[in-house]
Amino acid sequence: MSIWLIPGVILIVLVTATIKRVPAYEVFVEGSKEGIQIAISLLPFLLGMMVSIAIFQASGAMDAALGLIKPLTSLFAIPEQILPLALIRPISGTAALSVTTELIRTFGPDSFVGQLASVMQGSTDTTLYIITVYFGAVGIRRMGDALKVGLLADLAGIIASIVIVIILFG
C-alpha cells in the first residue's frame, strides 16, 4: 500500500485541481519560482550561521563551555561523552548528527551513551538554526524571547532525555 501512497496523493491533487478548474501546472511553476526566491533570500542567513558555528568550534569556545559543564554533569553521573551533543544540538543539526553517529559508532547503539545520544537527538531541535532561517525569511529582527524559550525547550529536552534513558535503560 505504501508504494501507492505518494502517487495517490498526487492523483488526488490533480483531480481536485481539475474539478476546481485550477491550472495545476502553472500554479506548480509559480510555486517553484517563489521557492527559489525564498531559498536565495535565505542564503545570507545560512552563511552567517555556518560561519558562526565554525568560529564557535575553532575558537575553543565549545571546549571551554564543555569544561564548565563537566563538574555539574559528573555530579549527576551523566557521561561526559554526551556533552558535545547536548551543546551542539541547539546550534547545528548536521554537526549534532555527526556527533551522534560518532557516539553510536564508538559505544554501540545498545550502550547507555548510544541510547542517550539517540533519544537526545530526537528530543531537541536546532533552535538557533530555526530562528536564524525562519525569522530571517520573514524579516523579524527582534527574537530575544523566542530564543530564550527555544533554548529553554532544548534544555528541557536534554534533561528529559537523560532522565528517561536512565529510567528505561539504567
Protein backbone atom coordinates (compact mmCIF):
# COMPACT_ATOMS: atom_id res chain seq x y z
CA MET A 1 0.00 0.00 0.00
CA SER A 2 2.81 2.42 0.83
CA ILE A 3 4.12 2.25 -2.73
CA TRP A 4 0.82 3.77 -3.93
CA LEU A 5 0.57 6.50 -1.28
CA ILE A 6 2.55 9.27 -3.00
CA PRO A 7 1.15 8.64 -6.49
CA GLY A 8 -2.32 8.52 -4.91
CA VAL A 9 -1.83 11.90 -3.22
CA ILE A 10 -0.58 13.40 -6.48
CA LEU A 11 -3.59 11.97 -8.30
CA ILE A 12 -5.98 13.42 -5.70
CA VAL A 13 -4.33 16.85 -6.04
CA LEU A 14 -4.56 16.76 -9.84
CA VAL A 15 -8.18 15.57 -9.84
CA THR A 16 -9.13 18.25 -7.29
CA ALA A 17 -7.37 20.91 -9.38
CA THR A 18 -9.22 19.73 -12.47
CA ILE A 19 -12.60 19.77 -10.71
CA LYS A 20 -11.96 23.27 -9.36
CA ARG A 21 -10.58 24.38 -12.74
CA VAL A 22 -7.23 25.38 -11.31
CA PRO A 23 -4.35 25.33 -13.83
CA ALA A 24 -2.24 22.84 -11.84
CA TYR A 25 0.94 23.07 -13.93
CA GLU A 26 1.00 26.87 -13.96
CA VAL A 27 0.38 27.01 -10.20
CA PHE A 28 3.18 24.46 -9.69
CA VAL A 29 5.63 26.51 -11.79
CA GLU A 30 4.64 29.71 -9.93
CA GLY A 31 5.21 27.99 -6.59
CA SER A 32 8.59 26.74 -7.78
CA LYS A 33 9.63 30.28 -8.74
CA GLU A 34 8.59 31.53 -5.32
CA GLY A 35 10.50 28.68 -3.65
CA ILE A 36 13.70 29.58 -5.48
CA GLN A 37 13.34 33.24 -4.46
CA ILE A 38 12.89 32.23 -0.82
CA ALA A 39 15.93 29.93 -0.98
CA ILE A 40 18.07 32.73 -2.41
CA SER A 41 16.88 35.17 0.26
CA LEU A 42 17.85 32.66 2.98
CA LEU A 43 21.44 32.22 1.78
CA PRO A 44 22.93 35.14 3.78
CA PHE A 45 21.32 33.85 6.99
CA LEU A 46 22.57 30.30 6.36
CA LEU A 47 26.07 31.51 5.53
CA GLY A 48 26.17 33.62 8.70
CA MET A 49 25.04 30.64 10.77
CA MET A 50 27.64 28.30 9.26
CA VAL A 51 30.45 30.81 9.81
CA SER A 52 29.32 31.35 13.41
CA ILE A 53 29.34 27.60 14.09
CA ALA A 54 32.81 27.23 12.58
CA ILE A 55 34.14 30.11 14.69
CA PHE A 56 32.48 28.67 17.82
CA GLN A 57 34.20 25.32 17.31
CA ALA A 58 37.58 26.59 16.03
CA SER A 59 37.98 29.26 18.72
CA GLY A 60 37.88 26.75 21.53
CA ALA A 61 34.68 28.25 22.94
CA MET A 62 32.93 24.89 22.72
CA ASP A 63 35.72 23.18 24.66
CA ALA A 64 35.64 25.95 27.26
CA ALA A 65 31.88 25.61 27.66
CA LEU A 66 32.23 21.83 28.00
CA GLY A 67 34.88 22.34 30.67
CA LEU A 68 32.48 24.48 32.67
CA ILE A 69 29.65 21.94 32.41
CA LYS A 70 31.65 18.77 33.21
CA PRO A 71 31.76 19.18 37.01
CA LEU A 72 27.98 19.57 37.16
CA THR A 73 27.30 16.57 34.93
CA SER A 74 29.76 14.34 36.77
CA LEU A 75 27.84 15.14 39.96
CA PHE A 76 24.74 13.53 38.39
CA ALA A 77 26.71 10.66 36.73
CA ILE A 78 25.93 11.88 33.20
CA PRO A 79 28.51 10.53 30.75
CA GLU A 80 30.85 13.28 29.61
CA GLN A 81 30.86 11.85 26.09
CA ILE A 82 27.30 13.13 25.62
CA LEU A 83 28.16 16.75 26.46
CA PRO A 84 29.31 17.81 22.96
CA LEU A 85 25.97 16.59 21.57
CA ALA A 86 24.00 18.46 24.25
CA LEU A 87 25.92 21.65 23.50
CA ILE A 88 25.95 21.49 19.68
CA ARG A 89 22.37 20.23 19.11
CA PRO A 90 20.67 23.64 19.53
CA ILE A 91 23.19 25.14 17.11
CA SER A 92 23.56 22.73 14.19
CA GLY A 93 21.58 19.66 13.22
CA THR A 94 24.28 18.41 10.87
CA ALA A 95 27.02 18.75 13.48
CA ALA A 96 24.78 17.08 16.08
CA LEU A 97 24.03 14.20 13.72
CA SER A 98 27.76 13.79 13.16
CA VAL A 99 28.38 13.69 16.92
CA THR A 100 25.53 11.20 17.40
CA THR A 101 26.87 8.98 14.62
CA GLU A 102 30.35 9.00 16.15
CA LEU A 103 28.98 8.21 19.63
CA ILE A 104 26.98 5.27 18.26
CA ARG A 105 29.97 4.07 16.23
CA THR A 106 32.25 4.28 19.29
CA PHE A 107 29.96 2.95 22.02
CA GLY A 108 27.38 0.97 20.04
CA PRO A 109 23.65 1.58 19.55
CA ASP A 110 22.66 -0.51 22.58
CA SER A 111 25.07 1.17 25.00
CA PHE A 112 23.85 3.73 27.51
CA VAL A 113 25.70 6.50 25.63
CA GLY A 114 24.28 5.34 22.27
CA GLN A 115 20.73 5.21 23.59
CA LEU A 116 21.09 8.58 25.31
CA ALA A 117 22.51 10.15 22.14
CA SER A 118 19.63 8.78 20.08
CA VAL A 119 16.95 9.96 22.49
CA MET A 120 18.62 13.36 22.87
CA GLN A 121 18.86 13.76 19.09
CA GLY A 122 15.12 13.18 18.83
CA SER A 123 14.14 15.23 21.89
CA THR A 124 15.74 18.53 20.98
CA ASP A 125 15.86 20.83 17.98
CA THR A 126 18.24 23.18 16.21
CA THR A 127 16.88 26.31 17.85
CA LEU A 128 19.49 28.76 16.57
CA TYR A 129 19.18 27.46 13.01
CA ILE A 130 15.38 27.65 13.10
CA ILE A 131 15.38 31.18 14.49
CA THR A 132 18.05 32.33 12.04
CA VAL A 133 16.39 30.88 8.94
CA TYR A 134 12.69 31.32 9.63
CA PHE A 135 12.85 34.66 11.41
CA GLY A 136 15.27 35.92 8.76
CA ALA A 137 12.97 34.76 5.97
CA VAL A 138 10.06 36.82 7.22
CA GLY A 139 12.16 39.80 8.31
CA ILE A 140 11.82 39.54 12.09
CA ARG A 141 14.83 41.21 13.71
CA ARG A 142 13.92 41.10 17.40
CA MET A 143 13.92 37.50 18.52
CA GLY A 144 15.04 37.65 22.14
CA ASP A 145 12.04 35.96 23.77
CA ALA A 146 11.77 33.30 21.09
CA LEU A 147 15.45 32.49 21.54
CA LYS A 148 15.08 32.21 25.32
CA VAL A 149 12.03 29.97 25.05
CA GLY A 150 13.64 27.82 22.34
CA LEU A 151 16.83 27.29 24.34
CA LEU A 152 14.79 26.58 27.46
CA ALA A 153 12.83 23.97 25.49
CA ASP A 154 16.13 22.43 24.34
CA LEU A 155 17.33 22.30 27.94
CA ALA A 156 14.07 20.62 28.96
CA GLY A 157 14.50 18.11 26.11
CA ILE A 158 18.08 17.36 27.16
CA ILE A 159 17.12 16.88 30.81
CA ALA A 160 14.06 14.80 29.89
CA SER A 161 16.12 12.57 27.57
CA ILE A 162 18.68 11.96 30.33
CA VAL A 163 16.01 11.14 32.91
CA ILE A 164 14.01 8.90 30.56
CA VAL A 165 17.06 6.95 29.39
CA ILE A 166 18.21 6.50 33.00
CA ILE A 167 14.75 5.25 33.98
CA LEU A 168 14.29 2.95 30.97
CA PHE A 169 17.82 1.70 30.37
CA GLY A 170 19.52 2.46 33.72
